[in-house]
Amino acid sequence: MKSTFDPLAFKEKLESFGTFPMPYLFKFIVPFGKESEIAAIFPKEEVVLKPSSGGKYISITIHMQVDSADQVIELYEMAAQIDGVISL
């Protein structure tokens, strides 16, 4: 059963963490070969890749200064368009 994403609840949660702008940690898991598609969403940020032990997936970590909860949601929505991506 796949859970549905509630952007309003997520925005409220993000805004409860503090005041924007703030540093934010993005984490994704993608099938091997899709990492460049995530990196393209974050062209000015350092993208840290860690392959899974089996080599089928790659964990991606990005630390970024974000200006608003809406920016975080927009970036996650862009990443969600990539086939096989898991946002953490």
PDB file of N, CA and C in Angstrom:
ATOM      1  N   MET A   1       0.838  -1.181   0.000  1.00  0.00           N
ATOM      2  CA  MET A   1       0.000   0.000   0.000  1.00  0.00           C
ATOM      3  C   MET A   1       0.883   1.244   0.000  1.00  0.00           C
ATOM      4  N   LYS A   2       0.737   2.078  -0.996  1.00  0.00           N
ATOM      5  CA  LYS A   2       1.541   3.286  -1.109  1.00  0.00           C
ATOM      6  C   LYS A   2       0.843   4.430  -0.391  1.00  0.00           C
ATOM      7  N   SER A   3       1.579   5.134   0.459  1.00  0.00           N
ATOM      8  CA  SER A   3       0.985   6.269   1.163  1.00  0.00           C
ATOM      9  C   SER A   3       0.938   7.473   0.226  1.00  0.00           C
ATOM     10  N   THR A   4      -0.040   8.324   0.453  1.00  0.00           N
ATOM     11  CA  THR A   4      -0.161   9.515  -0.377  1.00  0.00           C
ATOM     12  C   THR A   4       0.544  10.669   0.301  1.00  0.00           C
ATOM     13  N   PHE A   5       1.101  11.533  -0.510  1.00  0.00           N
ATOM     14  CA  PHE A   5       1.854  12.683  -0.022  1.00  0.00           C
ATOM     15  C   PHE A   5       0.898  13.837   0.218  1.00  0.00           C
ATOM     16  N   ASP A   6       0.931  14.397   1.410  1.00  0.00           N
ATOM     17  CA  ASP A   6       0.088  15.541   1.765  1.00  0.00           C
ATOM     18  C   ASP A   6       0.978  16.779   1.863  1.00  0.00           C
ATOM     19  N   PRO A   7       1.042  17.596   0.793  1.00  0.00           N
ATOM     20  CA  PRO A   7       1.949  18.742   0.810  1.00  0.00           C
ATOM     21  C   PRO A   7       1.629  19.763   1.888  1.00  0.00           C
ATOM     22  N   LEU A   8       0.364  19.933   2.237  1.00  0.00           N
ATOM     23  CA  LEU A   8       0.024  20.918   3.276  1.00  0.00           C
ATOM     24  C   LEU A   8       0.528  20.476   4.645  1.00  0.00           C
ATOM     25  N   ALA A   9       0.342  19.201   4.973  1.00  0.00           N
ATOM     26  CA  ALA A   9       0.834  18.688   6.256  1.00  0.00           C
ATOM     27  C   ALA A   9       2.356  18.745   6.299  1.00  0.00           C
ATOM     28  N   PHE A  10       2.999  18.410   5.171  1.00  0.00           N
ATOM     29  CA  PHE A  10       4.459  18.456   5.115  1.00  0.00           C
ATOM     30  C   PHE A  10       4.959  19.894   5.273  1.00  0.00           C
ATOM     31  N   LYS A  11       4.278  20.846   4.644  1.00  0.00           N
ATOM     32  CA  LYS A  11       4.660  22.262   4.764  1.00  0.00           C
ATOM     33  C   LYS A  11       4.554  22.717   6.214  1.00  0.00           C
ATOM     34  N   GLU A  12       3.476  22.343   6.887  1.00  0.00           N
ATOM     35  CA  GLU A  12       3.317  22.703   8.301  1.00  0.00           C
ATOM     36  C   GLU A  12       4.449  22.126   9.137  1.00  0.00           C
ATOM     37  N   LYS A  13       4.799  20.871   8.853  1.00  0.00           N
ATOM     38  CA  LYS A  13       5.882  20.229   9.603  1.00  0.00           C
ATOM     39  C   LYS A  13       7.214  20.938   9.359  1.00  0.00           C
ATOM     40  N   LEU A  14       7.499  21.262   8.095  1.00  0.00           N
ATOM     41  CA  LEU A  14       8.733  21.973   7.765  1.00  0.00           C
ATOM     42  C   LEU A  14       8.800  23.321   8.475  1.00  0.00           C
ATOM     43  N   GLU A  15       7.703  24.044   8.455  1.00  0.00           N
ATOM     44  CA  GLU A  15       7.683  25.376   9.066  1.00  0.00           C
ATOM     45  C   GLU A  15       7.782  25.312  10.585  1.00  0.00           C
ATOM     46  N   SER A  16       7.440  24.179  11.183  1.00  0.00           N
ATOM     47  CA  SER A  16       7.549  24.040  12.640  1.00  0.00           C
ATOM     48  C   SER A  16       9.000  23.815  13.087  1.00  0.00           C
ATOM     49  N   PHE A  17       9.896  23.455  12.132  1.00  0.00           N
ATOM     50  CA  PHE A  17      11.297  23.201  12.478  1.00  0.00           C
ATOM     51  C   PHE A  17      12.073  24.466  12.773  1.00  0.00           C
ATOM     52  N   GLY A  18      11.625  25.603  12.249  1.00  0.00           N
ATOM     53  CA  GLY A  18      12.367  26.835  12.465  1.00  0.00           C
ATOM     54  C   GLY A  18      12.023  27.864  11.415  1.00  0.00           C
ATOM     55  N   THR A  19      12.908  28.847  11.305  1.00  0.00           N
ATOM     56  CA  THR A  19      12.685  29.968  10.402  1.00  0.00           C
ATOM     57  C   THR A  19      13.510  29.800   9.138  1.00  0.00           C
ATOM     58  N   PHE A  20      12.888  30.071   8.022  1.00  0.00           N
ATOM     59  CA  PHE A  20      13.588  30.037   6.738  1.00  0.00           C
ATOM     60  C   PHE A  20      14.235  31.390   6.500  1.00  0.00           C
ATOM     61  N   PRO A  21      15.379  31.402   5.791  1.00  0.00           N
ATOM     62  CA  PRO A  21      16.115  30.277   5.210  1.00  0.00           C
ATOM     63  C   PRO A  21      16.784  29.417   6.279  1.00  0.00           C
ATOM     64  N   MET A  22      17.011  28.145   5.931  1.00  0.00           N
ATOM     65  CA  MET A  22      17.640  27.189   6.845  1.00  0.00           C
ATOM     66  C   MET A  22      18.321  26.077   6.045  1.00  0.00           C
ATOM     67  N   PRO A  23      19.284  25.402   6.667  1.00  0.00           N
ATOM     68  CA  PRO A  23      19.884  24.245   5.986  1.00  0.00           C
ATOM     69  C   PRO A  23      18.892  23.089   5.994  1.00  0.00           C
ATOM     70  N   TYR A  24      18.905  22.302   4.912  1.00  0.00           N
ATOM     71  CA  TYR A  24      17.997  21.163   4.810  1.00  0.00           C
ATOM     72  C   TYR A  24      18.758  19.993   4.197  1.00  0.00           C
ATOM     73  N   LEU A  25      18.459  18.799   4.680  1.00  0.00           N
ATOM     74  CA  LEU A  25      19.096  17.578   4.197  1.00  0.00           C
ATOM     75  C   LEU A  25      18.105  16.807   3.331  1.00  0.00           C
ATOM     76  N   PHE A  26      18.445  16.654   2.059  1.00  0.00           N
ATOM     77  CA  PHE A  26      17.649  15.849   1.139  1.00  0.00           C
ATOM     78  C   PHE A  26      18.304  14.484   1.020  1.00  0.00           C
ATOM     79  N   LYS A  27      17.484  13.415   1.068  1.00  0.00           N
ATOM     80  CA  LYS A  27      18.004  12.061   0.878  1.00  0.00           C
ATOM     81  C   LYS A  27      17.082  11.325  -0.082  1.00  0.00           C
ATOM     82  N   PHE A  28      17.714  10.619  -1.011  1.00  0.00           N
ATOM     83  CA  PHE A  28      16.971   9.846  -2.002  1.00  0.00           C
ATOM     84  C   PHE A  28      17.666   8.510  -2.185  1.00  0.00           C
ATOM     85  N   ILE A  29      16.906   7.529  -2.630  1.00  0.00           N
ATOM     86  CA  ILE A  29      17.456   6.262  -3.102  1.00  0.00           C
ATOM     87  C   ILE A  29      16.941   6.101  -4.527  1.00  0.00           C
ATOM     88  N   VAL A  30      17.860   5.856  -5.455  1.00  0.00           N
ATOM     89  CA  VAL A  30      17.477   5.703  -6.864  1.00  0.00           C
ATOM     90  C   VAL A  30      18.136   4.452  -7.438  1.00  0.00           C
ATOM     91  N   PRO A  31      17.528   3.891  -8.479  1.00  0.00           N
ATOM     92  CA  PRO A  31      18.187   2.783  -9.165  1.00  0.00           C
ATOM     93  C   PRO A  31      19.502   3.261  -9.781  1.00  0.00           C
ATOM     94  N   PHE A  32      20.488   2.381  -9.834  1.00  0.00           N
ATOM     95  CA  PHE A  32      21.775   2.720 -10.433  1.00  0.00           C
ATOM     96  C   PHE A  32      21.545   3.290 -11.830  1.00  0.00           C
ATOM     97  N   GLY A  33      22.201   4.384 -12.136  1.00  0.00           N
ATOM     98  CA  GLY A  33      22.067   5.027 -13.431  1.00  0.00           C
ATOM     99  C   GLY A  33      21.147   6.238 -13.423  1.00  0.00           C
ATOM    100  N   LYS A  34      20.378   6.405 -12.352  1.00  0.00           N
ATOM    101  CA  LYS A  34      19.445   7.533 -12.256  1.00  0.00           C
ATOM    102  C   LYS A  34      20.009   8.696 -11.423  1.00  0.00           C
ATOM    103  N   GLU A  35      21.204   8.510 -10.881  1.00  0.00           N
ATOM    104  CA  GLU A  35      21.754   9.524  -9.980  1.00  0.00           C
ATOM    105  C   GLU A  35      21.956  10.879 -10.661  1.00  0.00           C
ATOM    106  N   SER A  36      22.269  10.877 -11.947  1.00  0.00           N
ATOM    107  CA  SER A  36      22.483  12.143 -12.653  1.00  0.00           C
ATOM    108  C   SER A  36      21.180  12.930 -12.781  1.00  0.00           C
ATOM    109  N   GLU A  37      20.051  12.228 -12.789  1.00  0.00           N
ATOM    110  CA  GLU A  37      18.760  12.922 -12.873  1.00  0.00           C
ATOM    111  C   GLU A  37      18.461  13.681 -11.584  1.00  0.00           C
ATOM    112  N   ILE A  38      18.834  13.104 -10.450  1.00  0.00           N
ATOM    113  CA  ILE A  38      18.681  13.825  -9.175  1.00  0.00           C
ATOM    114  C   ILE A  38      19.664  14.989  -9.131  1.00  0.00           C
ATOM    115  N   ALA A  39      20.907  14.742  -9.510  1.00  0.00           N
ATOM    116  CA  ALA A  39      21.930  15.795  -9.491  1.00  0.00           C
ATOM    117  C   ALA A  39      21.510  16.991 -10.345  1.00  0.00           C
ATOM    118  N   ALA A  40      20.792  16.744 -11.429  1.00  0.00           N
ATOM    119  CA  ALA A  40      20.346  17.826 -12.312  1.00  0.00           C
ATOM    120  C   ALA A  40      19.341  18.750 -11.621  1.00  0.00           C
ATOM    121  N   ILE A  41      18.633  18.242 -10.642  1.00  0.00           N
ATOM    122  CA  ILE A  41      17.682  19.063  -9.887  1.00  0.00           C
ATOM    123  C   ILE A  41      18.419  19.993  -8.924  1.00  0.00           C
ATOM    124  N   PHE A  42      19.625  19.610  -8.534  1.00  0.00           N
ATOM    125  CA  PHE A  42      20.433  20.360  -7.573  1.00  0.00           C
ATOM    126  C   PHE A  42      21.776  20.749  -8.209  1.00  0.00           C
ATOM    127  N   PRO A  43      21.773  21.542  -9.292  1.00  0.00           N
ATOM    128  CA  PRO A  43      23.000  21.767 -10.068  1.00  0.00           C
ATOM    129  C   PRO A  43      24.125  22.488  -9.316  1.00  0.00           C
ATOM    130  N   LYS A  44      23.802  23.262  -8.299  1.00  0.00           N
ATOM    131  CA  LYS A  44      24.826  24.037  -7.584  1.00  0.00           C
ATOM    132  C   LYS A  44      25.225  23.410  -6.255  1.00  0.00           C
ATOM    133  N   GLU A  45      24.666  22.251  -5.940  1.00  0.00           N
ATOM    134  CA  GLU A  45      24.900  21.624  -4.640  1.00  0.00           C
ATOM    135  C   GLU A  45      25.823  20.416  -4.765  1.00  0.00           C
ATOM    136  N   GLU A  46      26.527  20.137  -3.669  1.00  0.00           N
ATOM    137  CA  GLU A  46      27.352  18.933  -3.614  1.00  0.00           C
ATOM    138  C   GLU A  46      26.428  17.734  -3.432  1.00  0.00           C
ATOM    139  N   VAL A  47      26.573  16.750  -4.296  1.00  0.00           N
ATOM    140  CA  VAL A  47      25.762  15.542  -4.255  1.00  0.00           C
ATOM    141  C   VAL A  47      26.657  14.389  -3.808  1.00  0.00           C
ATOM    142  N   VAL A  48      26.322  13.776  -2.674  1.00  0.00           N
ATOM    143  CA  VAL A  48      27.104  12.670  -2.130  1.00  0.00           C
ATOM    144  C   VAL A  48      26.399  11.363  -2.482  1.00  0.00           C
ATOM    145  N   LEU A  49      27.129  10.494  -3.176  1.00  0.00           N
ATOM    146  CA  LEU A  49      26.588   9.214  -3.636  1.00  0.00           C
ATOM    147  C   LEU A  49      27.166   8.061  -2.834  1.00  0.00           C
ATOM    148  N   LYS A  50      26.322   7.091  -2.511  1.00  0.00           N
ATOM    149  CA  LYS A  50      26.785   5.879  -1.835  1.00  0.00           C
ATOM    150  C   LYS A  50      26.059   4.686  -2.450  1.00  0.00           C
ATOM    151  N   PRO A  51      26.781   3.867  -3.230  1.00  0.00           N
ATOM    152  CA  PRO A  51      26.145   2.694  -3.848  1.00  0.00           C
ATOM    153  C   PRO A  51      25.717   1.668  -2.802  1.00  0.00           C
ATOM    154  N   SER A  52      24.643   0.952  -3.083  1.00  0.00           N
ATOM    155  CA  SER A  52      24.215  -0.132  -2.196  1.00  0.00           C
ATOM    156  C   SER A  52      25.203  -1.282  -2.319  1.00  0.00           C
ATOM    157  N   SER A  53      25.165  -2.179  -1.355  1.00  0.00           N
ATOM    158  CA  SER A  53      26.114  -3.301  -1.368  1.00  0.00           C
ATOM    159  C   SER A  53      25.918  -4.189  -2.598  1.00  0.00           C
ATOM    160  N   GLY A  54      24.688  -4.297  -3.080  1.00  0.00           N
ATOM    161  CA  GLY A  54      24.424  -5.111  -4.263  1.00  0.00           C
ATOM    162  C   GLY A  54      24.639  -4.373  -5.572  1.00  0.00           C
ATOM    163  N   GLY A  55      24.803  -3.049  -5.489  1.00  0.00           N
ATOM    164  CA  GLY A  55      25.069  -2.253  -6.672  1.00  0.00           C
ATOM    165  C   GLY A  55      23.855  -1.886  -7.512  1.00  0.00           C
ATOM    166  N   LYS A  56      22.657  -2.240  -7.052  1.00  0.00           N
ATOM    167  CA  LYS A  56      21.461  -1.930  -7.830  1.00  0.00           C
ATOM    168  C   LYS A  56      20.943  -0.516  -7.563  1.00  0.00           C
ATOM    169  N   TYR A  57      21.245   0.004  -6.386  1.00  0.00           N
ATOM    170  CA  TYR A  57      20.717   1.307  -5.970  1.00  0.00           C
ATOM    171  C   TYR A  57      21.835   2.224  -5.507  1.00  0.00           C
ATOM    172  N   ILE A  58      21.520   3.513  -5.501  1.00  0.00           N
ATOM    173  CA  ILE A  58      22.462   4.510  -5.003  1.00  0.00           C
ATOM    174  C   ILE A  58      21.719   5.415  -4.034  1.00  0.00           C
ATOM    175  N   SER A  59      22.323   5.625  -2.864  1.00  0.00           N
ATOM    176  CA  SER A  59      21.806   6.573  -1.890  1.00  0.00           C
ATOM    177  C   SER A  59      22.413   7.938  -2.218  1.00  0.00           C
ATOM    178  N   ILE A  60      21.577   8.957  -2.217  1.00  0.00           N
ATOM    179  CA  ILE A  60      22.021  10.309  -2.552  1.00  0.00           C
ATOM    180  C   ILE A  60      21.701  11.231  -1.377  1.00  0.00           C
ATOM    181  N   THR A  61      22.697  11.997  -0.954  1.00  0.00           N
ATOM    182  CA  THR A  61      22.523  12.963   0.120  1.00  0.00           C
ATOM    183  C   THR A  61      22.935  14.336  -0.390  1.00  0.00           C
ATOM    184  N   ILE A  62      22.101  15.329  -0.113  1.00  0.00           N
ATOM    185  CA  ILE A  62      22.382  16.701  -0.535  1.00  0.00           C
ATOM    186  C   ILE A  62      22.056  17.632   0.625  1.00  0.00           C
ATOM    187  N   HIS A  63      23.038  18.414   1.055  1.00  0.00           N
ATOM    188  CA  HIS A  63      22.822  19.456   2.057  1.00  0.00           C
ATOM    189  C   HIS A  63      22.632  20.755   1.288  1.00  0.00           C
ATOM    190  N   MET A  64      21.563  21.477   1.601  1.00  0.00           N
ATOM    191  CA  MET A  64      21.260  22.677   0.838  1.00  0.00           C
ATOM    192  C   MET A  64      20.629  23.733   1.736  1.00  0.00           C
ATOM    193  N   GLN A  65      20.970  24.973   1.493  1.00  0.00           N
ATOM    194  CA  GLN A  65      20.303  26.085   2.162  1.00  0.00           C
ATOM    195  C   GLN A  65      19.014  26.359   1.386  1.00  0.00           C
ATOM    196  N   VAL A  66      17.867  26.238   2.047  1.00  0.00           N
ATOM    197  CA  VAL A  66      16.583  26.448   1.386  1.00  0.00           C
ATOM    198  C   VAL A  66      15.940  27.729   1.895  1.00  0.00           C
ATOM    199  N   ASP A  67      15.175  28.351   1.012  1.00  0.00           N
ATOM    200  CA  ASP A  67      14.560  29.636   1.341  1.00  0.00           C
ATOM    201  C   ASP A  67      13.155  29.511   1.912  1.00  0.00           C
ATOM    202  N   SER A  68      12.485  28.385   1.661  1.00  0.00           N
ATOM    203  CA  SER A  68      11.099  28.240   2.122  1.00  0.00           C
ATOM    204  C   SER A  68      10.685  26.769   2.108  1.00  0.00           C
ATOM    205  N   ALA A  69       9.600  26.494   2.821  1.00  0.00           N
ATOM    206  CA  ALA A  69       9.023  25.148   2.791  1.00  0.00           C
ATOM    207  C   ALA A  69       8.539  24.825   1.380  1.00  0.00           C
ATOM    208  N   ASP A  70       8.027  25.836   0.687  1.00  0.00           N
ATOM    209  CA  ASP A  70       7.558  25.613  -0.685  1.00  0.00           C
ATOM    210  C   ASP A  70       8.696  25.167  -1.596  1.00  0.00           C
ATOM    211  N   GLN A  71       9.894  25.707  -1.381  1.00  0.00           N
ATOM    212  CA  GLN A  71      11.048  25.295  -2.184  1.00  0.00           C
ATOM    213  C   GLN A  71      11.373  23.822  -1.938  1.00  0.00           C
ATOM    214  N   VAL A  72      11.344  23.389  -0.691  1.00  0.00           N
ATOM    215  CA  VAL A  72      11.608  21.981  -0.353  1.00  0.00           C
ATOM    216  C   VAL A  72      10.588  21.081  -1.044  1.00  0.00           C
ATOM    217  N   ILE A  73       9.321  21.439  -0.945  1.00  0.00           N
ATOM    218  CA  ILE A  73       8.254  20.641  -1.557  1.00  0.00           C
ATOM    219  C   ILE A  73       8.424  20.597  -3.074  1.00  0.00           C
ATOM    220  N   GLU A  74       8.749  21.723  -3.677  1.00  0.00           N
ATOM    221  CA  GLU A  74       8.938  21.772  -5.133  1.00  0.00           C
ATOM    222  C   GLU A  74      10.070  20.846  -5.579  1.00  0.00           C
ATOM    223  N   LEU A  75      11.172  20.831  -4.824  1.00  0.00           N
ATOM    224  CA  LEU A  75      12.304  19.972  -5.179  1.00  0.00           C
ATOM    225  C   LEU A  75      11.945  18.490  -5.025  1.00  0.00           C
ATOM    226  N   TYR A  76      11.222  18.157  -3.960  1.00  0.00           N
ATOM    227  CA  TYR A  76      10.771  16.771  -3.792  1.00  0.00           C
ATOM    228  C   TYR A  76       9.810  16.369  -4.908  1.00  0.00           C
ATOM    229  N   GLU A  77       8.929  17.282  -5.320  1.00  0.00           N
ATOM    230  CA  GLU A  77       7.989  16.973  -6.400  1.00  0.00           C
ATOM    231  C   GLU A  77       8.720  16.766  -7.724  1.00  0.00           C
ATOM    232  N   MET A  78       9.781  17.528  -7.962  1.00  0.00           N
ATOM    233  CA  MET A  78      10.587  17.331  -9.171  1.00  0.00           C
ATOM    234  C   MET A  78      11.257  15.958  -9.129  1.00  0.00           C
ATOM    235  N   ALA A  79      11.808  15.604  -7.969  1.00  0.00           N
ATOM    236  CA  ALA A  79      12.484  14.308  -7.829  1.00  0.00           C
ATOM    237  C   ALA A  79      11.496  13.157  -8.001  1.00  0.00           C
ATOM    238  N   ALA A  80      10.257  13.353  -7.564  1.00  0.00           N
ATOM    239  CA  ALA A  80       9.249  12.297  -7.648  1.00  0.00           C
ATOM    240  C   ALA A  80       8.922  11.925  -9.094  1.00  0.00           C
ATOM    241  N   GLN A  81       9.283  12.777 -10.055  1.00  0.00           N
ATOM    242  CA  GLN A  81       9.041  12.493 -11.465  1.00  0.00           C
ATOM    243  C   GLN A  81      10.038  11.475 -12.027  1.00  0.00           C
ATOM    244  N   ILE A  82      11.110  11.214 -11.288  1.00  0.00           N
ATOM    245  CA  ILE A  82      12.138  10.278 -11.728  1.00  0.00           C
ATOM    246  C   ILE A  82      11.679   8.860 -11.411  1.00  0.00           C
ATOM    247  N   ASP A  83      11.696   8.017 -12.414  1.00  0.00           N
ATOM    248  CA  ASP A  83      11.234   6.642 -12.270  1.00  0.00           C
ATOM    249  C   ASP A  83      12.075   5.879 -11.252  1.00  0.00           C
ATOM    250  N   GLY A  84      11.421   5.314 -10.246  1.00  0.00           N
ATOM    251  CA  GLY A  84      12.097   4.475  -9.256  1.00  0.00           C
ATOM    252  C   GLY A  84      12.661   5.206  -8.069  1.00  0.00           C
ATOM    253  N   VAL A  85      12.505   6.516  -7.994  1.00  0.00           N
ATOM    254  CA  VAL A  85      13.080   7.279  -6.882  1.00  0.00           C
ATOM    255  C   VAL A  85      12.287   7.028  -5.589  1.00  0.00           C
ATOM    256  N   ILE A  86      13.026   6.967  -4.478  1.00  0.00           N
ATOM    257  CA  ILE A  86      12.445   6.903  -3.150  1.00  0.00           C
ATOM    258  C   ILE A  86      12.986   8.116  -2.403  1.00  0.00           C
ATOM    259  N   SER A  87      12.079   8.966  -1.932  1.00  0.00           N
ATOM    260  CA  SER A  87      12.475  10.147  -1.163  1.00  0.00           C
ATOM    261  C   SER A  87      12.388   9.805   0.318  1.00  0.00           C
ATOM    262  N   LEU A  88      13.439  10.161   1.047  1.00  0.00           N
ATOM    263  CA  LEU A  88      13.452   9.875   2.489  1.00  0.00           C
ATOM    264  C   LEU A  88      13.326  11.156   3.278  1.00  0.00           C
TER     265      LEU A  88
END
